[in-house]
Amino acid sequence: MTSSRPQSWPALLAAGLTTLLWASAFVSIRSAGESYSPGALALGRLLTGSLLLLGLLALTRTGWPPRAAWPGIACAGVLSAAPRSWAPPQPRPDAPPSWAWCCAWWRP
């Protein structure tokens, strides 16, 4: 049975390349984790993504979003990053199990 929709090869190629690069990122992060701190790895990933997006922006010449969209973009960025910073710290390993939740917040 044949489909009446035309195949979109560029979209399939983009999806395959994205999947391949995303899957290989875990291997790269695991090997780089021995040499770099988690903060340096996160900064490197964000800078790499930002530079690639700026390059894509320059190639497509689409321009910046309208000024009216900037507050919504900033709000989405804050709301997506804030829950990660609210996560409670891990309990200290030397604390008894019944006090682990309390001692996670207090550091002598």
C-alpha atoms as a PDB file:
ATOM      1  CA  MET A   1       0.000   0.000   0.000  1.00  0.00           C
ATOM      2  CA  THR A   2       1.409   3.371  -0.937  1.00  0.00           C
ATOM      3  CA  SER A   3       0.872   6.630   0.864  1.00  0.00           C
ATOM      4  CA  SER A   4      -0.529   9.672  -0.906  1.00  0.00           C
ATOM      5  CA  ARG A   5       1.684  12.005   1.150  1.00  0.00           C
ATOM      6  CA  PRO A   6       5.069  12.921  -0.296  1.00  0.00           C
ATOM      7  CA  GLN A   7       8.102  11.887   1.731  1.00  0.00           C
ATOM      8  CA  SER A   8       9.913  14.698   3.457  1.00  0.00           C
ATOM      9  CA  TRP A   9      13.532  13.531   3.248  1.00  0.00           C
ATOM     10  CA  PRO A  10      15.037  16.672   4.778  1.00  0.00           C
ATOM     11  CA  ALA A  11      12.830  16.264   7.845  1.00  0.00           C
ATOM     12  CA  LEU A  12      13.724  12.566   8.173  1.00  0.00           C
ATOM     13  CA  LEU A  13      17.413  13.368   7.777  1.00  0.00           C
ATOM     14  CA  ALA A  14      17.178  16.126  10.403  1.00  0.00           C
ATOM     15  CA  ALA A  15      15.401  13.798  12.839  1.00  0.00           C
ATOM     16  CA  GLY A  16      17.975  11.052  12.299  1.00  0.00           C
ATOM     17  CA  LEU A  17      20.914  13.424  12.715  1.00  0.00           C
ATOM     18  CA  THR A  18      19.376  14.948  15.841  1.00  0.00           C
ATOM     19  CA  THR A  19      18.845  11.499  17.353  1.00  0.00           C
ATOM     20  CA  LEU A  20      22.395  10.444  16.555  1.00  0.00           C
ATOM     21  CA  LEU A  21      23.925  13.605  18.029  1.00  0.00           C
ATOM     22  CA  TRP A  22      21.698  13.451  21.109  1.00  0.00           C
ATOM     23  CA  ALA A  23      22.619   9.819  21.747  1.00  0.00           C
ATOM     24  CA  SER A  24      26.332  10.492  21.327  1.00  0.00           C
ATOM     25  CA  ALA A  25      26.182  13.398  23.791  1.00  0.00           C
ATOM     26  CA  PHE A  26      25.788  10.965  26.700  1.00  0.00           C
ATOM     27  CA  VAL A  27      29.008   9.174  25.767  1.00  0.00           C
ATOM     28  CA  SER A  28      30.849  12.480  25.426  1.00  0.00           C
ATOM     29  CA  ILE A  29      29.571  13.774  28.754  1.00  0.00           C
ATOM     30  CA  ARG A  30      30.516  10.556  30.508  1.00  0.00           C
ATOM     31  CA  SER A  31      34.082  10.695  29.193  1.00  0.00           C
ATOM     32  CA  ALA A  32      34.452  14.453  29.817  1.00  0.00           C
ATOM     33  CA  GLY A  33      33.035  14.098  33.335  1.00  0.00           C
ATOM     34  CA  GLU A  34      36.328  12.657  34.514  1.00  0.00           C
ATOM     35  CA  SER A  35      38.208  15.829  33.548  1.00  0.00           C
ATOM     36  CA  TYR A  36      35.699  18.645  34.057  1.00  0.00           C
ATOM     37  CA  SER A  37      33.379  19.683  36.875  1.00  0.00           C
ATOM     38  CA  PRO A  38      29.597  19.470  36.371  1.00  0.00           C
ATOM     39  CA  GLY A  39      29.375  23.262  36.203  1.00  0.00           C
ATOM     40  CA  ALA A  40      32.007  23.464  33.478  1.00  0.00           C
ATOM     41  CA  LEU A  41      30.208  20.763  31.487  1.00  0.00           C
ATOM     42  CA  ALA A  42      26.879  22.568  31.801  1.00  0.00           C
ATOM     43  CA  LEU A  43      28.453  25.871  30.769  1.00  0.00           C
ATOM     44  CA  GLY A  44      30.131  24.219  27.793  1.00  0.00           C
ATOM     45  CA  ARG A  45      26.873  22.653  26.633  1.00  0.00           C
ATOM     46  CA  LEU A  46      24.969  25.939  26.960  1.00  0.00           C
ATOM     47  CA  LEU A  47      27.667  27.923  25.156  1.00  0.00           C
ATOM     48  CA  THR A  48      27.831  25.344  22.363  1.00  0.00           C
ATOM     49  CA  GLY A  49      24.068  25.395  21.906  1.00  0.00           C
ATOM     50  CA  SER A  50      23.960  29.187  21.997  1.00  0.00           C
ATOM     51  CA  LEU A  51      26.698  29.510  19.392  1.00  0.00           C
ATOM     52  CA  LEU A  52      25.006  26.986  17.111  1.00  0.00           C
ATOM     53  CA  LEU A  53      21.673  28.782  17.403  1.00  0.00           C
ATOM     54  CA  LEU A  54      23.317  32.143  16.697  1.00  0.00           C
ATOM     55  CA  GLY A  55      24.963  30.601  13.641  1.00  0.00           C
ATOM     56  CA  LEU A  56      21.614  29.263  12.473  1.00  0.00           C
ATOM     57  CA  LEU A  57      20.089  32.689  13.055  1.00  0.00           C
ATOM     58  CA  ALA A  58      22.831  34.295  10.950  1.00  0.00           C
ATOM     59  CA  LEU A  59      22.427  31.737   8.151  1.00  0.00           C
ATOM     60  CA  THR A  60      18.655  31.986   7.901  1.00  0.00           C
ATOM     61  CA  ARG A  61      18.571  35.762   8.485  1.00  0.00           C
ATOM     62  CA  THR A  62      15.233  35.542  10.249  1.00  0.00           C
ATOM     63  CA  GLY A  63      16.053  38.315  12.732  1.00  0.00           C
ATOM     64  CA  TRP A  64      15.264  38.677  16.396  1.00  0.00           C
ATOM     65  CA  PRO A  65      11.775  38.058  17.796  1.00  0.00           C
ATOM     66  CA  PRO A  66       9.545  41.114  18.158  1.00  0.00           C
ATOM     67  CA  ARG A  67      10.013  43.107  21.357  1.00  0.00           C
ATOM     68  CA  ALA A  68       6.532  42.173  22.530  1.00  0.00           C
ATOM     69  CA  ALA A  69       7.617  38.501  22.702  1.00  0.00           C
ATOM     70  CA  TRP A  70      10.691  39.105  24.898  1.00  0.00           C
ATOM     71  CA  PRO A  71       8.868  39.105  28.289  1.00  0.00           C
ATOM     72  CA  GLY A  72       7.239  35.772  27.456  1.00  0.00           C
ATOM     73  CA  ILE A  73      10.561  34.283  26.362  1.00  0.00           C
ATOM     74  CA  ALA A  74      12.260  35.497  29.559  1.00  0.00           C
ATOM     75  CA  CYS A  75       9.399  34.166  31.690  1.00  0.00           C
ATOM     76  CA  ALA A  76       9.607  30.755  30.017  1.00  0.00           C
ATOM     77  CA  GLY A  77      13.357  30.662  30.648  1.00  0.00           C
ATOM     78  CA  VAL A  78      12.989  31.519  34.331  1.00  0.00           C
ATOM     79  CA  LEU A  79      10.122  29.083  34.871  1.00  0.00           C
ATOM     80  CA  SER A  80      11.991  26.243  33.192  1.00  0.00           C
ATOM     81  CA  ALA A  81      15.190  26.805  35.210  1.00  0.00           C
ATOM     82  CA  ALA A  82      13.700  27.645  38.623  1.00  0.00           C
ATOM     83  CA  PRO A  83      12.378  24.176  39.636  1.00  0.00           C
ATOM     84  CA  ARG A  84      15.869  22.705  39.197  1.00  0.00           C
ATOM     85  CA  SER A  85      17.306  25.173  41.696  1.00  0.00           C
ATOM     86  CA  TRP A  86      14.555  24.439  44.235  1.00  0.00           C
ATOM     87  CA  ALA A  87      15.427  20.750  44.551  1.00  0.00           C
ATOM     88  CA  PRO A  88      16.403  19.881  48.136  1.00  0.00           C
ATOM     89  CA  PRO A  89      20.020  18.871  48.689  1.00  0.00           C
ATOM     90  CA  GLN A  90      20.909  15.247  49.236  1.00  0.00           C
ATOM     91  CA  PRO A  91      21.047  14.126  52.903  1.00  0.00           C
ATOM     92  CA  ARG A  92      24.426  13.771  54.551  1.00  0.00           C
ATOM     93  CA  PRO A  93      25.665  10.173  54.502  1.00  0.00           C
ATOM     94  CA  ASP A  94      26.598  10.219  58.219  1.00  0.00           C
ATOM     95  CA  ALA A  95      23.081  11.236  59.359  1.00  0.00           C
ATOM     96  CA  PRO A  96      20.737   8.568  60.755  1.00  0.00           C
ATOM     97  CA  PRO A  97      17.863   7.730  58.371  1.00  0.00           C
ATOM     98  CA  SER A  98      15.191   9.298  60.587  1.00  0.00           C
ATOM     99  CA  TRP A  99      17.036  12.618  60.656  1.00  0.00           C
ATOM    100  CA  ALA A 100      18.280  12.580  57.086  1.00  0.00           C
ATOM    101  CA  TRP A 101      15.595  14.960  55.818  1.00  0.00           C
ATOM    102  CA  CYS A 102      16.344  17.487  58.567  1.00  0.00           C
ATOM    103  CA  CYS A 103      20.117  17.319  58.284  1.00  0.00           C
ATOM    104  CA  ALA A 104      19.978  17.843  54.535  1.00  0.00           C
ATOM    105  CA  TRP A 105      19.063  21.470  55.213  1.00  0.00           C
ATOM    106  CA  TRP A 106      21.509  22.142  58.038  1.00  0.00           C
ATOM    107  CA  ARG A 107      25.256  22.100  57.497  1.00  0.00           C
ATOM    108  CA  PRO A 108      27.496  22.678  60.560  1.00  0.00           C
END
